[in-house]
Amino acid sequence: MSHCITIEPVVLSLLPSNLDGLKILDIGIGHGQWAFILRSQKYGRPYIIGVDPYQPYIEWANRVGLYNELHNTTTQNYLKENPEAITDYILICEVLEHDSRENSLKLLVLLEERLKPGGRIILSTPLGHSPGAPNDVNEFNVHLSGFTSRDFTRRGYNVKEVEREGSLNRLGHIIGPLAKIWFTIRRGKRPVTHSIVAWKDRF
């Protein structure tokens, strides 16, 4: 959905330099940032499949032609409608927080089953809970859950925590820890200052 710039080098380091002939499933394409990044910063011609429930994102991505396939549906529906589809890499970045913890963790299991042997799933999500964009015209942008690194390590994932860009961090650097305390009180939740990047291989 949304795109956290600071995770880009971490995610790119988890992908091979040459993507030629590889099939990549991009879950929650947003504005198509990952397709653009992969095609501009990696070698080869991967076959990229994009899935997103928000129709304007699909329409935009279709116009710019970065994806080989586009599916305007939920990930669960895509998997049901394409039961034989397997892939080399799955990207599910800044998506899991948009559903309940239970549904998101179940979805990961379903996605892991669609990896080829030697394939890899790569995810990112805020560390902790953030409210998302409740006033956004895209109703899917609301954040419904939050995660910790342990949520993924206990499921066999490797995890790296990455500092997030954003106004909360900038404000924190300017006026110190009091800013984070104020945000915590106002929101009733811990401030989100990092993202989790996690990955798991299928052997």
Protein backbone atom coordinates (compact mmCIF):
# COMPACT_ATOMS: atom_id res chain seq x y z
CA MET A 1 0.00 0.00 0.00
CA SER A 2 2.12 2.88 1.30
CA HIS A 3 5.86 2.94 0.69
CA CYS A 4 8.60 3.37 3.29
CA ILE A 5 11.70 4.65 1.48
CA THR A 6 14.19 3.56 4.12
CA ILE A 7 13.45 -0.15 3.63
CA GLU A 8 14.41 -0.06 -0.07
CA PRO A 9 18.12 -0.93 0.28
CA VAL A 10 17.32 -3.74 2.71
CA VAL A 11 14.70 -5.30 0.44
CA LEU A 12 16.92 -4.91 -2.63
CA SER A 13 19.79 -6.65 -0.84
CA LEU A 14 17.52 -9.68 -0.32
CA LEU A 15 16.94 -10.07 -4.07
CA PRO A 16 19.48 -11.30 -6.64
CA SER A 17 21.16 -8.70 -8.85
CA ASN A 18 19.87 -10.43 -11.99
CA LEU A 19 16.12 -11.09 -11.99
CA ASP A 20 15.94 -12.40 -15.54
CA GLY A 21 13.27 -15.06 -15.92
CA LEU A 22 12.18 -14.90 -12.27
CA LYS A 23 8.53 -14.61 -11.31
CA ILE A 24 7.81 -12.01 -8.64
CA LEU A 25 4.48 -11.54 -6.88
CA ASP A 26 3.98 -7.99 -5.56
CA ILE A 27 1.19 -7.88 -2.99
CA GLY A 28 -0.39 -4.47 -2.38
CA ILE A 29 1.21 -2.61 -5.29
CA GLY A 30 0.25 0.90 -4.16
CA HIS A 31 1.58 3.25 -6.84
CA GLY A 32 3.75 0.51 -8.35
CA GLN A 33 6.94 1.60 -6.61
CA TRP A 34 8.42 -1.87 -6.29
CA ALA A 35 7.93 -2.74 -9.93
CA PHE A 36 9.67 0.50 -10.88
CA ILE A 37 12.50 -0.05 -8.40
CA LEU A 38 13.10 -3.62 -9.53
CA ARG A 39 13.08 -2.75 -13.23
CA SER A 40 15.36 0.26 -12.76
CA GLN A 41 17.84 -1.09 -10.20
CA LYS A 42 18.16 -4.77 -11.08
CA TYR A 43 19.27 -6.57 -14.23
CA GLY A 44 17.16 -8.82 -16.41
CA ARG A 45 13.49 -9.06 -17.21
CA PRO A 46 11.46 -10.51 -14.37
CA TYR A 47 7.81 -11.46 -14.75
CA ILE A 48 6.06 -9.27 -12.18
CA ILE A 49 2.51 -9.92 -11.00
CA GLY A 50 0.73 -7.18 -9.07
CA VAL A 51 -2.25 -7.65 -6.75
CA ASP A 52 -4.19 -4.82 -5.10
CA PRO A 53 -7.83 -4.40 -4.04
CA TYR A 54 -7.85 -0.65 -4.76
CA GLN A 55 -8.92 -0.13 -8.36
CA PRO A 56 -7.26 3.29 -8.99
CA TYR A 57 -3.85 1.76 -8.19
CA ILE A 58 -4.46 -1.03 -10.70
CA GLU A 59 -5.62 1.44 -13.35
CA TRP A 60 -2.54 3.59 -12.87
CA ALA A 61 -0.16 0.61 -12.96
CA ASN A 62 -1.86 -0.66 -16.12
CA ARG A 63 -1.23 2.67 -17.86
CA VAL A 64 2.49 2.77 -17.06
CA GLY A 65 3.04 -0.88 -18.02
CA LEU A 66 5.43 -1.98 -15.27
CA TYR A 67 3.62 -5.25 -14.50
CA ASN A 68 3.17 -8.34 -16.65
CA GLU A 69 -0.10 -9.15 -14.86
CA LEU A 70 -2.40 -7.09 -12.68
CA HIS A 71 -5.20 -8.38 -10.46
CA ASN A 72 -7.72 -6.00 -8.89
CA THR A 73 -8.70 -8.19 -5.96
CA THR A 74 -7.66 -9.19 -2.46
CA THR A 75 -4.68 -11.47 -2.01
CA GLN A 76 -6.92 -14.20 -0.61
CA ASN A 77 -9.11 -14.09 -3.72
CA TYR A 78 -6.09 -14.08 -6.01
CA LEU A 79 -4.75 -17.22 -4.36
CA LYS A 80 -8.15 -18.94 -4.61
CA GLU A 81 -8.56 -17.99 -8.27
CA ASN A 82 -5.00 -19.07 -9.15
CA PRO A 83 -4.49 -22.29 -7.16
CA GLU A 84 -1.56 -23.49 -9.27
CA ALA A 85 0.37 -20.22 -9.31
CA ILE A 86 3.85 -20.48 -7.79
CA THR A 87 6.54 -17.85 -7.77
CA ASP A 88 10.23 -17.24 -7.06
CA TYR A 89 9.83 -14.17 -4.88
CA ILE A 90 6.94 -12.61 -3.00
CA LEU A 91 6.99 -8.98 -1.86
CA ILE A 92 4.39 -7.99 0.71
CA CYS A 93 5.59 -4.59 1.88
CA GLU A 94 3.55 -2.28 4.13
CA VAL A 95 0.47 -4.48 3.73
CA LEU A 96 0.01 -6.73 6.77
CA GLU A 97 -0.93 -3.86 9.08
CA HIS A 98 -4.03 -3.19 6.94
CA ASP A 99 -5.79 -6.33 8.22
CA SER A 100 -6.18 -8.04 11.57
CA ARG A 101 -3.17 -9.84 13.02
CA GLU A 102 -4.95 -13.18 12.71
CA ASN A 103 -5.81 -12.71 9.04
CA SER A 104 -2.37 -11.34 8.16
CA LEU A 105 -0.46 -14.18 9.79
CA LYS A 106 -2.74 -16.74 8.13
CA LEU A 107 -2.10 -15.03 4.80
CA LEU A 108 1.65 -15.41 5.25
CA VAL A 109 1.23 -19.18 5.58
CA LEU A 110 -0.78 -19.29 2.34
CA LEU A 111 1.83 -17.19 0.54
CA GLU A 112 4.73 -19.31 1.77
CA GLU A 113 3.06 -22.33 0.15
CA ARG A 114 3.20 -20.57 -3.24
CA LEU A 115 6.98 -20.22 -3.25
CA LYS A 116 9.10 -22.40 -5.50
CA PRO A 117 11.85 -24.38 -3.78
CA GLY A 118 14.64 -21.89 -3.25
CA GLY A 119 12.14 -19.04 -3.32
CA ARG A 120 11.87 -16.24 -0.79
CA ILE A 121 9.10 -14.17 0.76
CA ILE A 122 10.03 -10.65 1.86
CA LEU A 123 7.75 -8.52 4.01
CA SER A 124 7.82 -5.16 5.72
CA THR A 125 5.49 -3.61 8.25
CA PRO A 126 5.70 -0.88 10.91
CA LEU A 127 7.18 -1.99 14.23
CA GLY A 128 4.28 -1.42 16.58
CA HIS A 129 0.95 0.17 15.70
CA SER A 130 0.37 3.33 13.68
CA PRO A 131 -3.03 4.72 12.67
CA GLY A 132 -2.37 4.81 8.93
CA ALA A 133 -4.38 7.28 6.90
CA PRO A 134 -7.99 7.05 8.17
CA ASN A 135 -9.08 10.09 6.13
CA ASP A 136 -7.59 8.80 2.90
CA VAL A 137 -9.96 8.26 -0.04
CA ASN A 138 -8.52 4.75 -0.18
CA GLU A 139 -10.48 2.91 2.50
CA PHE A 140 -7.85 0.15 2.57
CA ASN A 141 -5.21 2.53 4.00
CA VAL A 142 -6.44 2.27 7.59
CA HIS A 143 -4.08 0.31 9.86
CA LEU A 144 -5.87 -2.41 11.82
CA SER A 145 -2.95 -4.12 13.56
CA GLY A 146 0.65 -3.86 14.68
CA PHE A 147 3.52 -6.35 14.84
CA THR A 148 6.74 -7.00 16.71
CA SER A 149 9.89 -8.68 15.44
CA ARG A 150 9.05 -11.73 17.56
CA ASP A 151 5.82 -12.22 15.61
CA PHE A 152 8.00 -13.18 12.66
CA THR A 153 11.10 -14.75 14.23
CA ARG A 154 8.89 -17.31 15.97
CA ARG A 155 7.59 -18.26 12.50
CA GLY A 156 11.07 -18.87 11.11
CA TYR A 157 11.68 -15.46 9.57
CA ASN A 158 14.92 -13.50 9.61
CA VAL A 159 14.24 -9.95 10.81
CA LYS A 160 15.91 -6.57 10.50
CA GLU A 161 14.54 -3.40 12.10
CA VAL A 162 14.95 -0.28 9.95
CA GLU A 163 14.48 3.32 11.08
CA ARG A 164 11.50 4.92 9.38
CA GLU A 165 11.48 8.27 7.67
CA GLY A 166 8.64 10.61 8.58
CA SER A 167 7.46 13.59 10.57
CA LEU A 168 7.53 11.75 13.91
CA ASN A 169 11.25 11.03 13.57
CA ARG A 170 12.02 14.56 12.37
CA LEU A 171 10.07 16.06 15.24
CA GLY A 172 11.78 13.71 17.68
CA HIS A 173 15.20 14.83 16.45
CA ILE A 174 14.24 18.48 16.87
CA ILE A 175 12.64 18.59 20.30
CA GLY A 176 13.81 15.30 21.73
CA PRO A 177 12.06 12.44 23.49
CA LEU A 178 9.25 14.66 24.81
CA ALA A 179 7.81 14.67 21.29
CA LYS A 180 7.51 10.91 21.28
CA ILE A 181 5.88 10.93 24.71
CA TRP A 182 3.36 13.50 23.49
CA PHE A 183 2.53 11.43 20.41
CA THR A 184 2.15 8.34 22.57
CA ILE A 185 -0.32 10.06 24.89
CA ARG A 186 -2.30 11.56 22.03
CA ARG A 187 -2.55 8.26 20.15
CA GLY A 188 -2.71 5.91 23.11
CA LYS A 189 -0.16 3.67 21.42
CA ARG A 190 3.60 3.47 21.16
CA PRO A 191 5.09 5.74 18.50
CA VAL A 192 6.21 3.94 15.36
CA THR A 193 9.81 4.84 14.62
CA HIS A 194 10.97 1.69 12.84
CA SER A 195 9.87 -0.76 10.21
CA ILE A 196 10.35 -4.50 10.33
CA VAL A 197 11.80 -6.17 7.25
CA ALA A 198 11.51 -9.96 7.45
CA TRP A 199 12.28 -12.72 5.01
CA LYS A 200 11.95 -16.49 4.81
CA ASP A 201 13.24 -19.00 2.28
CA ARG A 202 11.55 -22.15 1.07
CA PHE A 203 13.90 -25.10 0.92
